[in-house]
Amino acid sequence: MEMPFGEARPENGAGLVPTDNSAPHKVDLSSKIKEQKVVVDELSNLKKNRKVYRQQQNSNIFFLADRTEMLSESKNLLDELKKEYQEIENLEKTKIKK
């Protein structure tokens, strides 16, 4: 199973830039949110003695990681993705009102 920890991060962590192609970005963001929800659920349901590995970005190398730290990072990332998705929806709503 491929681990999404390095791939699911929003680009540069920057704020939203309103563009005409927000629909593809919204779909991509939605799939990342679903993926991150699965990661959070999987990490939440692990037994305490289970080992968790983090994939080195852009490689096939895995390193041992702390389960609680990974869960916390995954939850934070999920929150960021949800916030960005909500901002896109709010922008679309304001465009419709105009």
PDB file of N, CA and C in Angstrom:
ATOM      1  N   MET A   1       0.839  -1.183   0.000  1.00  0.00           N
ATOM      2  CA  MET A   1       0.000   0.000   0.000  1.00  0.00           C
ATOM      3  C   MET A   1       0.878   1.238   0.000  1.00  0.00           C
ATOM      4  N   GLU A   2       0.568   2.165  -0.846  1.00  0.00           N
ATOM      5  CA  GLU A   2       1.351   3.393  -0.950  1.00  0.00           C
ATOM      6  C   GLU A   2       0.937   4.346   0.155  1.00  0.00           C
ATOM      7  N   MET A   3       1.897   4.942   0.822  1.00  0.00           N
ATOM      8  CA  MET A   3       1.606   5.850   1.912  1.00  0.00           C
ATOM      9  C   MET A   3       1.535   7.282   1.384  1.00  0.00           C
ATOM     10  N   PRO A   4       0.471   8.009   1.660  1.00  0.00           N
ATOM     11  CA  PRO A   4       0.264   9.328   1.085  1.00  0.00           C
ATOM     12  C   PRO A   4       0.865  10.481   1.868  1.00  0.00           C
ATOM     13  N   PHE A   5       1.666  10.220   2.877  1.00  0.00           N
ATOM     14  CA  PHE A   5       2.102  11.301   3.750  1.00  0.00           C
ATOM     15  C   PHE A   5       2.856  12.405   3.018  1.00  0.00           C
ATOM     16  N   GLY A   6       3.690  12.067   2.066  1.00  0.00           N
ATOM     17  CA  GLY A   6       4.430  13.098   1.361  1.00  0.00           C
ATOM     18  C   GLY A   6       3.655  13.686   0.209  1.00  0.00           C
ATOM     19  N   GLU A   7       2.658  12.963  -0.298  1.00  0.00           N
ATOM     20  CA  GLU A   7       1.975  13.384  -1.512  1.00  0.00           C
ATOM     21  C   GLU A   7       0.730  14.209  -1.248  1.00  0.00           C
ATOM     22  N   ALA A   8       0.135  14.101  -0.094  1.00  0.00           N
ATOM     23  CA  ALA A   8      -1.158  14.723   0.121  1.00  0.00           C
ATOM     24  C   ALA A   8      -1.062  16.159   0.628  1.00  0.00           C
ATOM     25  N   ARG A   9       0.083  16.712   0.640  1.00  0.00           N
ATOM     26  CA  ARG A   9       0.250  18.065   1.143  1.00  0.00           C
ATOM     27  C   ARG A   9      -0.205  19.096   0.118  1.00  0.00           C
ATOM     28  N   PRO A  10      -0.872  20.164   0.569  1.00  0.00           N
ATOM     29  CA  PRO A  10      -1.268  21.203  -0.370  1.00  0.00           C
ATOM     30  C   PRO A  10      -0.045  21.927  -0.908  1.00  0.00           C
ATOM     31  N   GLU A  11      -0.130  22.401  -2.119  1.00  0.00           N
ATOM     32  CA  GLU A  11       0.993  23.058  -2.768  1.00  0.00           C
ATOM     33  C   GLU A  11       1.421  24.285  -1.979  1.00  0.00           C
ATOM     34  N   ASN A  12       2.651  24.285  -1.509  1.00  0.00           N
ATOM     35  CA  ASN A  12       3.296  25.392  -0.791  1.00  0.00           C
ATOM     36  C   ASN A  12       2.574  25.809   0.484  1.00  0.00           C
ATOM     37  N   GLY A  13       1.469  25.163   0.818  1.00  0.00           N
ATOM     38  CA  GLY A  13       0.712  25.539   2.000  1.00  0.00           C
ATOM     39  C   GLY A  13       0.175  26.949   1.903  1.00  0.00           C
ATOM     40  N   ALA A  14       0.194  27.524   0.701  1.00  0.00           N
ATOM     41  CA  ALA A  14      -0.218  28.905   0.512  1.00  0.00           C
ATOM     42  C   ALA A  14      -1.724  29.014   0.492  1.00  0.00           C
ATOM     43  N   GLY A  15      -2.199  30.251   0.584  1.00  0.00           N
ATOM     44  CA  GLY A  15      -3.631  30.510   0.523  1.00  0.00           C
ATOM     45  C   GLY A  15      -4.170  30.253  -0.867  1.00  0.00           C
ATOM     46  N   LEU A  16      -5.452  30.433  -1.013  1.00  0.00           N
ATOM     47  CA  LEU A  16      -6.119  30.161  -2.266  1.00  0.00           C
ATOM     48  C   LEU A  16      -5.868  31.255  -3.282  1.00  0.00           C
ATOM     49  N   VAL A  17      -5.663  30.862  -4.500  1.00  0.00           N
ATOM     50  CA  VAL A  17      -5.546  31.804  -5.596  1.00  0.00           C
ATOM     51  C   VAL A  17      -6.744  31.559  -6.498  1.00  0.00           C
ATOM     52  N   PRO A  18      -7.670  32.515  -6.569  1.00  0.00           N
ATOM     53  CA  PRO A  18      -8.857  32.275  -7.374  1.00  0.00           C
ATOM     54  C   PRO A  18      -8.515  32.172  -8.854  1.00  0.00           C
ATOM     55  N   THR A  19      -8.880  31.065  -9.460  1.00  0.00           N
ATOM     56  CA  THR A  19      -8.626  30.860 -10.879  1.00  0.00           C
ATOM     57  C   THR A  19      -9.863  30.254 -11.512  1.00  0.00           C
ATOM     58  N   ASP A  20      -9.881  30.220 -12.829  1.00  0.00           N
ATOM     59  CA  ASP A  20     -11.007  29.650 -13.547  1.00  0.00           C
ATOM     60  C   ASP A  20     -11.008  28.130 -13.485  1.00  0.00           C
ATOM     61  N   ASN A  21      -9.875  27.522 -13.163  1.00  0.00           N
ATOM     62  CA  ASN A  21      -9.800  26.065 -13.141  1.00  0.00           C
ATOM     63  C   ASN A  21      -9.927  25.520 -11.726  1.00  0.00           C
ATOM     64  N   SER A  22     -10.794  26.111 -10.903  1.00  0.00           N
ATOM     65  CA  SER A  22     -10.949  25.649  -9.525  1.00  0.00           C
ATOM     66  C   SER A  22     -11.691  24.320  -9.453  1.00  0.00           C
ATOM     67  N   ALA A  23     -12.479  23.984 -10.480  1.00  0.00           N
ATOM     68  CA  ALA A  23     -13.211  22.711 -10.463  1.00  0.00           C
ATOM     69  C   ALA A  23     -12.263  21.505 -10.447  1.00  0.00           C
ATOM     70  N   PRO A  24     -11.242  21.443 -11.332  1.00  0.00           N
ATOM     71  CA  PRO A  24     -10.316  20.304 -11.243  1.00  0.00           C
ATOM     72  C   PRO A  24      -9.562  20.273  -9.913  1.00  0.00           C
ATOM     73  N   HIS A  25      -9.212  21.456  -9.400  1.00  0.00           N
ATOM     74  CA  HIS A  25      -8.510  21.524  -8.118  1.00  0.00           C
ATOM     75  C   HIS A  25      -9.422  21.028  -7.000  1.00  0.00           C
ATOM     76  N   LYS A  26     -10.704  21.361  -7.089  1.00  0.00           N
ATOM     77  CA  LYS A  26     -11.672  20.938  -6.076  1.00  0.00           C
ATOM     78  C   LYS A  26     -11.829  19.419  -6.089  1.00  0.00           C
ATOM     79  N   VAL A  27     -11.875  18.830  -7.271  1.00  0.00           N
ATOM     80  CA  VAL A  27     -11.989  17.369  -7.399  1.00  0.00           C
ATOM     81  C   VAL A  27     -10.733  16.705  -6.842  1.00  0.00           C
ATOM     82  N   ASP A  28      -9.569  17.245  -7.173  1.00  0.00           N
ATOM     83  CA  ASP A  28      -8.300  16.717  -6.676  1.00  0.00           C
ATOM     84  C   ASP A  28      -8.237  16.829  -5.158  1.00  0.00           C
ATOM     85  N   LEU A  29      -8.672  17.966  -4.646  1.00  0.00           N
ATOM     86  CA  LEU A  29      -8.672  18.196  -3.209  1.00  0.00           C
ATOM     87  C   LEU A  29      -9.629  17.232  -2.510  1.00  0.00           C
ATOM     88  N   SER A  30     -10.764  16.984  -3.124  1.00  0.00           N
ATOM     89  CA  SER A  30     -11.744  16.050  -2.561  1.00  0.00           C
ATOM     90  C   SER A  30     -11.162  14.639  -2.454  1.00  0.00           C
ATOM     91  N   SER A  31     -10.436  14.213  -3.478  1.00  0.00           N
ATOM     92  CA  SER A  31      -9.831  12.877  -3.423  1.00  0.00           C
ATOM     93  C   SER A  31      -8.717  12.819  -2.381  1.00  0.00           C
ATOM     94  N   LYS A  32      -7.979  13.915  -2.220  1.00  0.00           N
ATOM     95  CA  LYS A  32      -6.935  13.952  -1.191  1.00  0.00           C
ATOM     96  C   LYS A  32      -7.547  13.897   0.203  1.00  0.00           C
ATOM     97  N   ILE A  33      -8.688  14.557   0.373  1.00  0.00           N
ATOM     98  CA  ILE A  33      -9.375  14.531   1.672  1.00  0.00           C
ATOM     99  C   ILE A  33      -9.828  13.108   1.993  1.00  0.00           C
ATOM    100  N   LYS A  34     -10.411  12.422   1.019  1.00  0.00           N
ATOM    101  CA  LYS A  34     -10.838  11.039   1.236  1.00  0.00           C
ATOM    102  C   LYS A  34      -9.652  10.155   1.589  1.00  0.00           C
ATOM    103  N   GLU A  35      -8.549  10.341   0.872  1.00  0.00           N
ATOM    104  CA  GLU A  35      -7.337   9.560   1.120  1.00  0.00           C
ATOM    105  C   GLU A  35      -6.823   9.817   2.529  1.00  0.00           C
ATOM    106  N   GLN A  36      -6.826  11.078   2.939  1.00  0.00           N
ATOM    107  CA  GLN A  36      -6.305  11.435   4.258  1.00  0.00           C
ATOM    108  C   GLN A  36      -7.214  10.911   5.360  1.00  0.00           C
ATOM    109  N   LYS A  37      -8.529  10.868   5.116  1.00  0.00           N
ATOM    110  CA  LYS A  37      -9.456  10.295   6.096  1.00  0.00           C
ATOM    111  C   LYS A  37      -9.141   8.820   6.337  1.00  0.00           C
ATOM    112  N   VAL A  38      -8.815   8.113   5.276  1.00  0.00           N
ATOM    113  CA  VAL A  38      -8.453   6.698   5.405  1.00  0.00           C
ATOM    114  C   VAL A  38      -7.181   6.562   6.226  1.00  0.00           C
ATOM    115  N   VAL A  39      -6.202   7.414   5.971  1.00  0.00           N
ATOM    116  CA  VAL A  39      -4.935   7.370   6.722  1.00  0.00           C
ATOM    117  C   VAL A  39      -5.195   7.605   8.202  1.00  0.00           C
ATOM    118  N   VAL A  40      -6.000   8.617   8.523  1.00  0.00           N
ATOM    119  CA  VAL A  40      -6.309   8.921   9.923  1.00  0.00           C
ATOM    120  C   VAL A  40      -7.032   7.746  10.574  1.00  0.00           C
ATOM    121  N   ASP A  41      -8.000   7.167   9.873  1.00  0.00           N
ATOM    122  CA  ASP A  41      -8.716   6.012  10.423  1.00  0.00           C
ATOM    123  C   ASP A  41      -7.793   4.830  10.662  1.00  0.00           C
ATOM    124  N   GLU A  42      -6.935   4.549   9.703  1.00  0.00           N
ATOM    125  CA  GLU A  42      -6.000   3.429   9.845  1.00  0.00           C
ATOM    126  C   GLU A  42      -5.065   3.640  11.036  1.00  0.00           C
ATOM    127  N   LEU A  43      -4.520   4.844  11.157  1.00  0.00           N
ATOM    128  CA  LEU A  43      -3.613   5.128  12.268  1.00  0.00           C
ATOM    129  C   LEU A  43      -4.341   5.112  13.609  1.00  0.00           C
ATOM    130  N   SER A  44      -5.592   5.552  13.613  1.00  0.00           N
ATOM    131  CA  SER A  44      -6.378   5.580  14.856  1.00  0.00           C
ATOM    132  C   SER A  44      -6.689   4.173  15.358  1.00  0.00           C
ATOM    133  N   ASN A  45      -6.841   3.238  14.437  1.00  0.00           N
ATOM    134  CA  ASN A  45      -7.244   1.889  14.817  1.00  0.00           C
ATOM    135  C   ASN A  45      -6.084   0.920  15.015  1.00  0.00           C
ATOM    136  N   LEU A  46      -4.873   1.411  14.920  1.00  0.00           N
ATOM    137  CA  LEU A  46      -3.719   0.536  15.153  1.00  0.00           C
ATOM    138  C   LEU A  46      -3.567   0.218  16.632  1.00  0.00           C
ATOM    139  N   LYS A  47      -3.113  -0.975  16.922  1.00  0.00           N
ATOM    140  CA  LYS A  47      -2.795  -1.332  18.297  1.00  0.00           C
ATOM    141  C   LYS A  47      -1.573  -0.542  18.737  1.00  0.00           C
ATOM    142  N   LYS A  48      -1.462  -0.334  20.029  1.00  0.00           N
ATOM    143  CA  LYS A  48      -0.384   0.496  20.583  1.00  0.00           C
ATOM    144  C   LYS A  48       1.011  -0.020  20.242  1.00  0.00           C
ATOM    145  N   ASN A  49       1.166  -1.329  20.134  1.00  0.00           N
ATOM    146  CA  ASN A  49       2.496  -1.900  19.912  1.00  0.00           C
ATOM    147  C   ASN A  49       2.869  -2.016  18.431  1.00  0.00           C
ATOM    148  N   ARG A  50       1.998  -1.563  17.523  1.00  0.00           N
ATOM    149  CA  ARG A  50       2.284  -1.650  16.087  1.00  0.00           C
ATOM    150  C   ARG A  50       3.276  -0.585  15.658  1.00  0.00           C
ATOM    151  N   LYS A  51       4.103  -0.934  14.695  1.00  0.00           N
ATOM    152  CA  LYS A  51       5.087   0.001  14.170  1.00  0.00           C
ATOM    153  C   LYS A  51       4.526   0.711  12.950  1.00  0.00           C
ATOM    154  N   VAL A  52       4.904   1.971  12.800  1.00  0.00           N
ATOM    155  CA  VAL A  52       4.464   2.795  11.676  1.00  0.00           C
ATOM    156  C   VAL A  52       5.706   3.295  10.956  1.00  0.00           C
ATOM    157  N   TYR A  53       5.647   3.265   9.640  1.00  0.00           N
ATOM    158  CA  TYR A  53       6.775   3.716   8.832  1.00  0.00           C
ATOM    159  C   TYR A  53       6.345   4.873   7.940  1.00  0.00           C
ATOM    160  N   ARG A  54       7.240   5.822   7.771  1.00  0.00           N
ATOM    161  CA  ARG A  54       7.001   6.976   6.908  1.00  0.00           C
ATOM    162  C   ARG A  54       7.859   6.823   5.661  1.00  0.00           C
ATOM    163  N   GLN A  55       7.247   7.041   4.514  1.00  0.00           N
ATOM    164  CA  GLN A  55       7.992   6.927   3.258  1.00  0.00           C
ATOM    165  C   GLN A  55       8.793   8.201   3.013  1.00  0.00           C
ATOM    166  N   GLN A  56      10.047   8.013   2.681  1.00  0.00           N
ATOM    167  CA  GLN A  56      10.896   9.139   2.312  1.00  0.00           C
ATOM    168  C   GLN A  56      10.347   9.735   1.018  1.00  0.00           C
ATOM    169  N   GLN A  57      10.201  11.050   0.985  1.00  0.00           N
ATOM    170  CA  GLN A  57       9.617  11.696  -0.181  1.00  0.00           C
ATOM    171  C   GLN A  57      10.428  11.403  -1.442  1.00  0.00           C
ATOM    172  N   ASN A  58       9.729  11.088  -2.517  1.00  0.00           N
ATOM    173  CA  ASN A  58      10.326  10.802  -3.828  1.00  0.00           C
ATOM    174  C   ASN A  58      11.277   9.607  -3.820  1.00  0.00           C
ATOM    175  N   SER A  59      11.017   8.636  -2.966  1.00  0.00           N
ATOM    176  CA  SER A  59      11.854   7.430  -2.969  1.00  0.00           C
ATOM    177  C   SER A  59      11.048   6.253  -2.434  1.00  0.00           C
ATOM    178  N   ASN A  60      11.657   5.090  -2.461  1.00  0.00           N
ATOM    179  CA  ASN A  60      11.013   3.891  -1.945  1.00  0.00           C
ATOM    180  C   ASN A  60      11.582   3.482  -0.595  1.00  0.00           C
ATOM    181  N   ILE A  61      12.145   4.432   0.119  1.00  0.00           N
ATOM    182  CA  ILE A  61      12.757   4.153   1.422  1.00  0.00           C
ATOM    183  C   ILE A  61      11.775   4.535   2.529  1.00  0.00           C
ATOM    184  N   PHE A  62      11.615   3.644   3.514  1.00  0.00           N
ATOM    185  CA  PHE A  62      10.714   3.893   4.636  1.00  0.00           C
ATOM    186  C   PHE A  62      11.515   3.976   5.927  1.00  0.00           C
ATOM    187  N   PHE A  63      11.105   4.884   6.822  1.00  0.00           N
ATOM    188  CA  PHE A  63      11.755   5.049   8.116  1.00  0.00           C
ATOM    189  C   PHE A  63      10.727   4.855   9.222  1.00  0.00           C
ATOM    190  N   LEU A  64      11.174   4.283  10.324  1.00  0.00           N
ATOM    191  CA  LEU A  64      10.314   4.081  11.477  1.00  0.00           C
ATOM    192  C   LEU A  64       9.874   5.444  12.008  1.00  0.00           C
ATOM    193  N   ALA A  65       8.577   5.564  12.326  1.00  0.00           N
ATOM    194  CA  ALA A  65       8.039   6.834  12.815  1.00  0.00           C
ATOM    195  C   ALA A  65       7.185   6.573  14.051  1.00  0.00           C
ATOM    196  N   ASP A  66       6.956   7.603  14.827  1.00  0.00           N
ATOM    197  CA  ASP A  66       6.130   7.516  16.018  1.00  0.00           C
ATOM    198  C   ASP A  66       4.653   7.531  15.611  1.00  0.00           C
ATOM    199  N   ARG A  67       3.891   6.555  16.078  1.00  0.00           N
ATOM    200  CA  ARG A  67       2.491   6.419  15.684  1.00  0.00           C
ATOM    201  C   ARG A  67       1.662   7.640  16.073  1.00  0.00           C
ATOM    202  N   THR A  68       1.828   8.125  17.298  1.00  0.00           N
ATOM    203  CA  THR A  68       1.022   9.265  17.759  1.00  0.00           C
ATOM    204  C   THR A  68       1.391  10.541  17.003  1.00  0.00           C
ATOM    205  N   GLU A  69       2.672  10.687  16.690  1.00  0.00           N
ATOM    206  CA  GLU A  69       3.110  11.855  15.925  1.00  0.00           C
ATOM    207  C   GLU A  69       2.542  11.808  14.504  1.00  0.00           C
ATOM    208  N   MET A  70       2.559  10.642  13.912  1.00  0.00           N
ATOM    209  CA  MET A  70       2.018  10.486  12.557  1.00  0.00           C
ATOM    210  C   MET A  70       0.509  10.735  12.550  1.00  0.00           C
ATOM    211  N   LEU A  71      -0.180  10.267  13.572  1.00  0.00           N
ATOM    212  CA  LEU A  71      -1.619  10.484  13.668  1.00  0.00           C
ATOM    213  C   LEU A  71      -1.920  11.979  13.803  1.00  0.00           C
ATOM    214  N   SER A  72      -1.159  12.647  14.627  1.00  0.00           N
ATOM    215  CA  SER A  72      -1.347  14.083  14.816  1.00  0.00           C
ATOM    216  C   SER A  72      -1.098  14.858  13.518  1.00  0.00           C
ATOM    217  N   GLU A  73      -0.012  14.528  12.829  1.00  0.00           N
ATOM    218  CA  GLU A  73       0.310  15.186  11.560  1.00  0.00           C
ATOM    219  C   GLU A  73      -0.771  14.912  10.520  1.00  0.00           C
ATOM    220  N   SER A  74      -1.273  13.700  10.499  1.00  0.00           N
ATOM    221  CA  SER A  74      -2.310  13.335   9.531  1.00  0.00           C
ATOM    222  C   SER A  74      -3.608  14.086   9.807  1.00  0.00           C
ATOM    223  N   LYS A  75      -3.969  14.225  11.079  1.00  0.00           N
ATOM    224  CA  LYS A  75      -5.168  14.976  11.439  1.00  0.00           C
ATOM    225  C   LYS A  75      -5.017  16.453  11.064  1.00  0.00           C
ATOM    226  N   ASN A  76      -3.832  17.012  11.324  1.00  0.00           N
ATOM    227  CA  ASN A  76      -3.586  18.411  10.970  1.00  0.00           C
ATOM    228  C   ASN A  76      -3.685  18.622   9.465  1.00  0.00           C
ATOM    229  N   LEU A  77      -3.118  17.703   8.708  1.00  0.00           N
ATOM    230  CA  LEU A  77      -3.164  17.804   7.256  1.00  0.00           C
ATOM    231  C   LEU A  77      -4.600  17.689   6.754  1.00  0.00           C
ATOM    232  N   LEU A  78      -5.367  16.788   7.354  1.00  0.00           N
ATOM    233  CA  LEU A  78      -6.772  16.637   6.984  1.00  0.00           C
ATOM    234  C   LEU A  78      -7.531  17.934   7.252  1.00  0.00           C
ATOM    235  N   ASP A  79      -7.265  18.559   8.383  1.00  0.00           N
ATOM    236  CA  ASP A  79      -7.911  19.830   8.707  1.00  0.00           C
ATOM    237  C   ASP A  79      -7.552  20.912   7.685  1.00  0.00           C
ATOM    238  N   GLU A  80      -6.272  20.973   7.288  1.00  0.00           N
ATOM    239  CA  GLU A  80      -5.833  21.953   6.294  1.00  0.00           C
ATOM    240  C   GLU A  80      -6.525  21.727   4.954  1.00  0.00           C
ATOM    241  N   LEU A  81      -6.615  20.468   4.537  1.00  0.00           N
ATOM    242  CA  LEU A  81      -7.261  20.145   3.274  1.00  0.00           C
ATOM    243  C   LEU A  81      -8.745  20.510   3.301  1.00  0.00           C
ATOM    244  N   LYS A  82      -9.412  20.214   4.424  1.00  0.00           N
ATOM    245  CA  LYS A  82     -10.829  20.552   4.558  1.00  0.00           C
ATOM    246  C   LYS A  82     -11.027  22.066   4.517  1.00  0.00           C
ATOM    247  N   LYS A  83     -10.131  22.790   5.168  1.00  0.00           N
ATOM    248  CA  LYS A  83     -10.216  24.256   5.183  1.00  0.00           C
ATOM    249  C   LYS A  83     -10.065  24.811   3.768  1.00  0.00           C
ATOM    250  N   GLU A  84      -9.095  24.300   3.030  1.00  0.00           N
ATOM    251  CA  GLU A  84      -8.875  24.754   1.664  1.00  0.00           C
ATOM    252  C   GLU A  84     -10.078  24.429   0.780  1.00  0.00           C
ATOM    253  N   TYR A  85     -10.653  23.252   0.963  1.00  0.00           N
ATOM    254  CA  TYR A  85     -11.832  22.850   0.199  1.00  0.00           C
ATOM    255  C   TYR A  85     -13.001  23.787   0.504  1.00  0.00           C
ATOM    256  N   GLN A  86     -13.162  24.115   1.783  1.00  0.00           N
ATOM    257  CA  GLN A  86     -14.238  25.018   2.195  1.00  0.00           C
ATOM    258  C   GLN A  86     -14.039  26.412   1.590  1.00  0.00           C
ATOM    259  N   GLU A  87     -12.792  26.877   1.515  1.00  0.00           N
ATOM    260  CA  GLU A  87     -12.505  28.177   0.920  1.00  0.00           C
ATOM    261  C   GLU A  87     -12.879  28.192  -0.567  1.00  0.00           C
ATOM    262  N   ILE A  88     -12.624  27.097  -1.256  1.00  0.00           N
ATOM    263  CA  ILE A  88     -12.986  26.996  -2.675  1.00  0.00           C
ATOM    264  C   ILE A  88     -14.501  27.045  -2.820  1.00  0.00           C
ATOM    265  N   GLU A  89     -15.203  26.314  -1.958  1.00  0.00           N
ATOM    266  CA  GLU A  89     -16.667  26.328  -2.011  1.00  0.00           C
ATOM    267  C   GLU A  89     -17.216  27.719  -1.734  1.00  0.00           C
ATOM    268  N   ASN A  90     -16.626  28.428  -0.766  1.00  0.00           N
ATOM    269  CA  ASN A  90     -17.077  29.777  -0.452  1.00  0.00           C
ATOM    270  C   ASN A  90     -16.836  30.726  -1.623  1.00  0.00           C
ATOM    271  N   LEU A  91     -15.705  30.567  -2.302  1.00  0.00           N
ATOM    272  CA  LEU A  91     -15.424  31.390  -3.476  1.00  0.00           C
ATOM    273  C   LEU A  91     -16.447  31.134  -4.577  1.00  0.00           C
ATOM    274  N   GLU A  92     -16.787  29.870  -4.770  1.00  0.00           N
ATOM    275  CA  GLU A  92     -17.778  29.521  -5.791  1.00  0.00           C
ATOM    276  C   GLU A  92     -19.144  30.104  -5.445  1.00  0.00           C
ATOM    277  N   LYS A  93     -19.510  30.085  -4.164  1.00  0.00           N
ATOM    278  CA  LYS A  93     -20.792  30.646  -3.740  1.00  0.00           C
ATOM    279  C   LYS A  93     -20.844  32.150  -3.974  1.00  0.00           C
ATOM    280  N   THR A  94     -19.737  32.830  -3.694  1.00  0.00           N
ATOM    281  CA  THR A  94     -19.727  34.282  -3.920  1.00  0.00           C
ATOM    282  C   THR A  94     -19.745  34.619  -5.396  1.00  0.00           C
ATOM    283  N   LYS A  95     -19.137  33.768  -6.237  1.00  0.00           N
ATOM    284  CA  LYS A  95     -19.196  33.984  -7.680  1.00  0.00           C
ATOM    285  C   LYS A  95     -20.624  33.820  -8.183  1.00  0.00           C
ATOM    286  N   ILE A  96     -21.349  32.855  -7.645  1.00  0.00           N
ATOM    287  CA  ILE A  96     -22.738  32.599  -8.059  1.00  0.00           C
ATOM    288  C   ILE A  96     -23.636  33.768  -7.664  1.00  0.00           C
ATOM    289  N   LYS A  97     -23.403  34.340  -6.477  1.00  0.00           N
ATOM    290  CA  LYS A  97     -24.231  35.450  -6.012  1.00  0.00           C
ATOM    291  C   LYS A  97     -24.068  36.695  -6.873  1.00  0.00           C
ATOM    292  N   LYS A  98     -22.892  36.882  -7.469  1.00  0.00           N
ATOM    293  CA  LYS A  98     -22.641  38.097  -8.255  1.00  0.00           C
ATOM    294  C   LYS A  98     -23.299  38.075  -9.574  1.00  0.00           C
TER     295      LYS A  98
END
